Amino acid sequence: MIEVLYFAWVRERIGLPRERIESQAKTVAELVEELRSREERYAAAFADTTALRVALDQELASFDAPLAGVREVAFFPPMTGG
């Protein structure tokens, strides 16, 4: 089981702050594909992954990062200064 967290507009589009999912995905990109195929709200949230960042167990990662041993995946928009 993986704990998936959604922040900012990702959370708004999906309608959940977090969920626990069972996944066969080997990378973040595969997980995104699984989520996109679930429902339209997920497809909308993950339509443009260039507008998203991901953290694995609270460490910034890339979308081709492996999920082996990961307990938590967080998706969020890029942070801006100001």
C-alpha atoms as a PDB file:
ATOM      1  CA  MET A   1       0.000   0.000   0.000  1.00  0.00           C
ATOM      2  CA  ILE A   2       1.144   3.497  -0.840  1.00  0.00           C
ATOM      3  CA  GLU A   3      -0.124   6.662   0.837  1.00  0.00           C
ATOM      4  CA  VAL A   4      -0.751   9.230  -1.912  1.00  0.00           C
ATOM      5  CA  LEU A   5      -1.051  12.886  -0.887  1.00  0.00           C
ATOM      6  CA  TYR A   6      -2.442  15.692  -3.032  1.00  0.00           C
ATOM      7  CA  PHE A   7      -1.766  19.395  -2.428  1.00  0.00           C
ATOM      8  CA  ALA A   8      -3.121  22.730  -3.697  1.00  0.00           C
ATOM      9  CA  TRP A   9      -5.012  22.547  -7.014  1.00  0.00           C
ATOM     10  CA  VAL A  10      -4.246  18.819  -7.361  1.00  0.00           C
ATOM     11  CA  ARG A  11      -6.282  18.246  -4.174  1.00  0.00           C
ATOM     12  CA  GLU A  12      -9.041  20.540  -5.457  1.00  0.00           C
ATOM     13  CA  ARG A  13      -9.369  18.679  -8.773  1.00  0.00           C
ATOM     14  CA  ILE A  14      -9.341  15.217  -7.222  1.00  0.00           C
ATOM     15  CA  GLY A  15     -11.401  16.189  -4.181  1.00  0.00           C
ATOM     16  CA  LEU A  16      -9.247  14.303  -1.673  1.00  0.00           C
ATOM     17  CA  PRO A  17      -6.273  15.341   0.460  1.00  0.00           C
ATOM     18  CA  ARG A  18      -4.917  11.758   0.574  1.00  0.00           C
ATOM     19  CA  GLU A  19      -5.705   8.133  -0.110  1.00  0.00           C
ATOM     20  CA  ARG A  20      -4.122   4.733   0.350  1.00  0.00           C
ATOM     21  CA  ILE A  21      -3.839   2.752  -2.844  1.00  0.00           C
ATOM     22  CA  GLU A  22      -2.664  -0.646  -3.980  1.00  0.00           C
ATOM     23  CA  SER A  23      -0.538  -0.230  -7.092  1.00  0.00           C
ATOM     24  CA  GLN A  24       1.517  -2.381  -9.436  1.00  0.00           C
ATOM     25  CA  ALA A  25       3.380   0.714 -10.681  1.00  0.00           C
ATOM     26  CA  LYS A  26       7.159   0.462 -10.712  1.00  0.00           C
ATOM     27  CA  THR A  27       7.787   4.216 -11.233  1.00  0.00           C
ATOM     28  CA  VAL A  28       6.044   7.487 -10.422  1.00  0.00           C
ATOM     29  CA  ALA A  29       5.122   7.854 -14.114  1.00  0.00           C
ATOM     30  CA  GLU A  30       3.390   4.445 -14.079  1.00  0.00           C
ATOM     31  CA  LEU A  31       1.513   5.444 -10.923  1.00  0.00           C
ATOM     32  CA  VAL A  32       0.353   8.642 -12.643  1.00  0.00           C
ATOM     33  CA  GLU A  33      -0.924   6.565 -15.580  1.00  0.00           C
ATOM     34  CA  GLU A  34      -2.846   4.296 -13.193  1.00  0.00           C
ATOM     35  CA  LEU A  35      -4.377   7.315 -11.465  1.00  0.00           C
ATOM     36  CA  ARG A  36      -5.241   9.046 -14.764  1.00  0.00           C
ATOM     37  CA  SER A  37      -7.158   5.988 -15.927  1.00  0.00           C
ATOM     38  CA  ARG A  38      -9.315   5.870 -12.768  1.00  0.00           C
ATOM     39  CA  GLU A  39     -11.741   8.741 -13.368  1.00  0.00           C
ATOM     40  CA  GLU A  40     -12.035  12.059 -15.169  1.00  0.00           C
ATOM     41  CA  ARG A  41     -11.081  14.038 -12.051  1.00  0.00           C
ATOM     42  CA  TYR A  42      -7.736  12.213 -11.889  1.00  0.00           C
ATOM     43  CA  ALA A  43      -7.225  12.663 -15.623  1.00  0.00           C
ATOM     44  CA  ALA A  44      -7.783  16.404 -15.157  1.00  0.00           C
ATOM     45  CA  ALA A  45      -5.415  16.627 -12.189  1.00  0.00           C
ATOM     46  CA  PHE A  46      -2.623  14.764 -14.002  1.00  0.00           C
ATOM     47  CA  ALA A  47      -3.217  16.139 -17.513  1.00  0.00           C
ATOM     48  CA  ASP A  48       0.021  18.144 -17.494  1.00  0.00           C
ATOM     49  CA  THR A  49       2.736  16.593 -15.347  1.00  0.00           C
ATOM     50  CA  THR A  50       5.143  19.386 -16.287  1.00  0.00           C
ATOM     51  CA  ALA A  51       3.032  21.523 -13.923  1.00  0.00           C
ATOM     52  CA  LEU A  52       3.586  19.071 -11.060  1.00  0.00           C
ATOM     53  CA  ARG A  53       6.307  18.094  -8.652  1.00  0.00           C
ATOM     54  CA  VAL A  54       6.519  14.830  -6.748  1.00  0.00           C
ATOM     55  CA  ALA A  55       8.079  13.795  -3.454  1.00  0.00           C
ATOM     56  CA  LEU A  56       8.751  10.217  -2.370  1.00  0.00           C
ATOM     57  CA  ASP A  57       8.850   9.770   1.397  1.00  0.00           C
ATOM     58  CA  GLN A  58       9.224  13.572   1.679  1.00  0.00           C
ATOM     59  CA  GLU A  59      12.194  13.805  -0.727  1.00  0.00           C
ATOM     60  CA  LEU A  60      11.831  15.560  -4.083  1.00  0.00           C
ATOM     61  CA  ALA A  61      11.984  13.057  -6.919  1.00  0.00           C
ATOM     62  CA  SER A  62      11.483  12.755 -10.662  1.00  0.00           C
ATOM     63  CA  PHE A  63       8.627  11.055 -12.461  1.00  0.00           C
ATOM     64  CA  ASP A  64      10.932   8.235 -13.575  1.00  0.00           C
ATOM     65  CA  ALA A  65      11.929   7.478  -9.965  1.00  0.00           C
ATOM     66  CA  PRO A  66      11.291   3.898  -8.793  1.00  0.00           C
ATOM     67  CA  LEU A  67       8.573   3.221  -6.225  1.00  0.00           C
ATOM     68  CA  ALA A  68      10.188   0.144  -4.658  1.00  0.00           C
ATOM     69  CA  GLY A  69      10.058   0.538  -0.874  1.00  0.00           C
ATOM     70  CA  VAL A  70       8.285   3.913  -1.035  1.00  0.00           C
ATOM     71  CA  ARG A  71       5.551   4.440   1.564  1.00  0.00           C
ATOM     72  CA  GLU A  72       4.372   7.950   0.630  1.00  0.00           C
ATOM     73  CA  VAL A  73       3.998   9.778  -2.679  1.00  0.00           C
ATOM     74  CA  ALA A  74       3.030  13.469  -2.675  1.00  0.00           C
ATOM     75  CA  PHE A  75       1.954  15.491  -5.714  1.00  0.00           C
ATOM     76  CA  PHE A  76       2.004  19.293  -5.659  1.00  0.00           C
ATOM     77  CA  PRO A  77       2.523  22.303  -7.943  1.00  0.00           C
ATOM     78  CA  PRO A  78       5.954  23.963  -8.061  1.00  0.00           C
ATOM     79  CA  MET A  79       6.612  26.303  -5.169  1.00  0.00           C
ATOM     80  CA  THR A  80       7.027  29.970  -5.953  1.00  0.00           C
ATOM     81  CA  GLY A  81       8.936  32.505  -3.902  1.00  0.00           C
ATOM     82  CA  GLY A  82       7.620  35.791  -2.739  1.00  0.00           C
END
